[in-house]
Amino acid sequence: MDMRALVGRNFSRIRREKGLTQEQVEERSGFSQQYISGLENGLRNPTVVTLFELAQALGVGPVDLLMPDGKGRQPRKR
C-alpha cells in the first residue's frame, strides 16, 4: 500500500467534502498551496506532526487521513 497516495486521496476527499479550497487550507494550516497540492498528488511524505496539523486544519482526527478506502474511524463491534 502506498501510504503517500492513500494520505493524499483521503486529504483531498475530506477537503472537498468540507467545501475547502487548497488556498483555504493553506490559510488555516500555514502549509503552502504547493505543498498541499503535492500531498494530494501523493508526492509528499508528511511527518506525524504534519499529519496532525493538517488534520486539525480540516477539523478531523489524524487517523482519518490514514484509513484505507477513506472509511474514517469505524465503531467497534461488540
Protein backbone atom coordinates (compact mmCIF):
# COMPACT_ATOMS: atom_id res chain seq x y z
CA MET A 1 0.00 0.00 0.00
CA ASP A 2 1.42 3.39 -0.98
CA MET A 3 0.81 5.48 2.13
CA ARG A 4 1.67 8.75 0.36
CA ALA A 5 -1.07 8.12 -2.20
CA LEU A 6 -3.53 6.99 0.49
CA VAL A 7 -2.97 10.09 2.63
CA GLY A 8 -3.24 12.28 -0.47
CA ARG A 9 -6.54 10.73 -1.55
CA ASN A 10 -8.02 10.98 1.93
CA PHE A 11 -6.85 14.55 2.40
CA SER A 12 -8.26 15.62 -0.97
CA ARG A 13 -11.58 13.85 -0.35
CA ILE A 14 -12.03 15.34 3.13
CA ARG A 15 -11.02 18.81 1.94
CA ARG A 16 -13.61 18.68 -0.85
CA GLU A 17 -16.30 17.26 1.47
CA LYS A 18 -15.70 20.23 3.78
CA GLY A 19 -16.02 22.60 0.81
CA LEU A 20 -12.49 23.94 1.23
CA THR A 21 -10.04 25.03 -1.44
CA GLN A 22 -6.34 24.31 -1.19
CA GLU A 23 -5.85 28.03 -0.60
CA GLN A 24 -8.25 27.98 2.36
CA VAL A 25 -6.37 25.04 3.87
CA GLU A 26 -3.16 26.98 3.32
CA GLU A 27 -4.57 29.85 5.39
CA ARG A 28 -5.75 27.50 8.15
CA SER A 29 -2.63 25.35 8.32
CA GLY A 30 0.29 27.51 7.26
CA PHE A 31 1.36 24.92 4.67
CA SER A 32 1.72 26.31 1.15
CA GLN A 33 -0.77 25.54 -1.58
CA GLN A 34 2.11 23.90 -3.48
CA TYR A 35 2.79 21.58 -0.53
CA ILE A 36 -0.90 20.71 -0.25
CA SER A 37 -1.08 20.00 -3.98
CA GLY A 38 1.96 17.73 -3.75
CA LEU A 39 0.42 15.97 -0.77
CA GLU A 40 -2.85 15.36 -2.62
CA ASN A 41 -0.90 14.00 -5.59
CA GLY A 42 0.99 11.53 -3.39
CA LEU A 43 4.30 13.30 -3.88
CA ARG A 44 4.87 14.30 -0.25
CA ASN A 45 5.87 12.15 2.70
CA PRO A 46 4.39 14.06 5.65
CA THR A 47 5.69 13.63 9.18
CA VAL A 48 3.40 12.65 12.04
CA VAL A 49 3.42 16.27 13.23
CA THR A 50 2.46 17.48 9.74
CA LEU A 51 -0.41 14.96 9.57
CA PHE A 52 -1.64 16.19 12.94
CA GLU A 53 -1.52 19.86 11.88
CA LEU A 54 -3.20 19.21 8.52
CA ALA A 55 -5.92 17.13 10.18
CA GLN A 56 -6.57 19.99 12.62
CA ALA A 57 -6.89 22.40 9.68
CA LEU A 58 -9.57 20.10 8.22
CA GLY A 59 -11.31 19.55 11.56
CA VAL A 60 -10.73 15.79 11.60
CA GLY A 61 -8.51 13.39 13.50
CA PRO A 62 -5.11 12.38 12.08
CA VAL A 63 -6.27 8.77 11.80
CA ASP A 64 -8.88 9.90 9.23
CA LEU A 65 -6.02 10.69 6.86
CA LEU A 66 -4.58 7.17 7.27
CA MET A 67 -7.65 4.96 6.95
CA PRO A 68 -7.82 2.70 3.90
CA ASP A 69 -10.57 3.48 1.39
CA GLY A 70 -11.45 6.75 3.12
CA LYS A 71 -13.56 4.96 5.71
CA GLY A 72 -12.52 7.09 8.67
CA ARG A 73 -12.96 5.78 12.18
CA GLN A 74 -15.28 2.86 12.48
CA PRO A 75 -17.13 1.99 15.68
CA ARG A 76 -16.00 -1.17 17.38
CA LYS A 77 -18.24 -4.19 17.01
CA ARG A 78 -19.05 -5.99 20.22
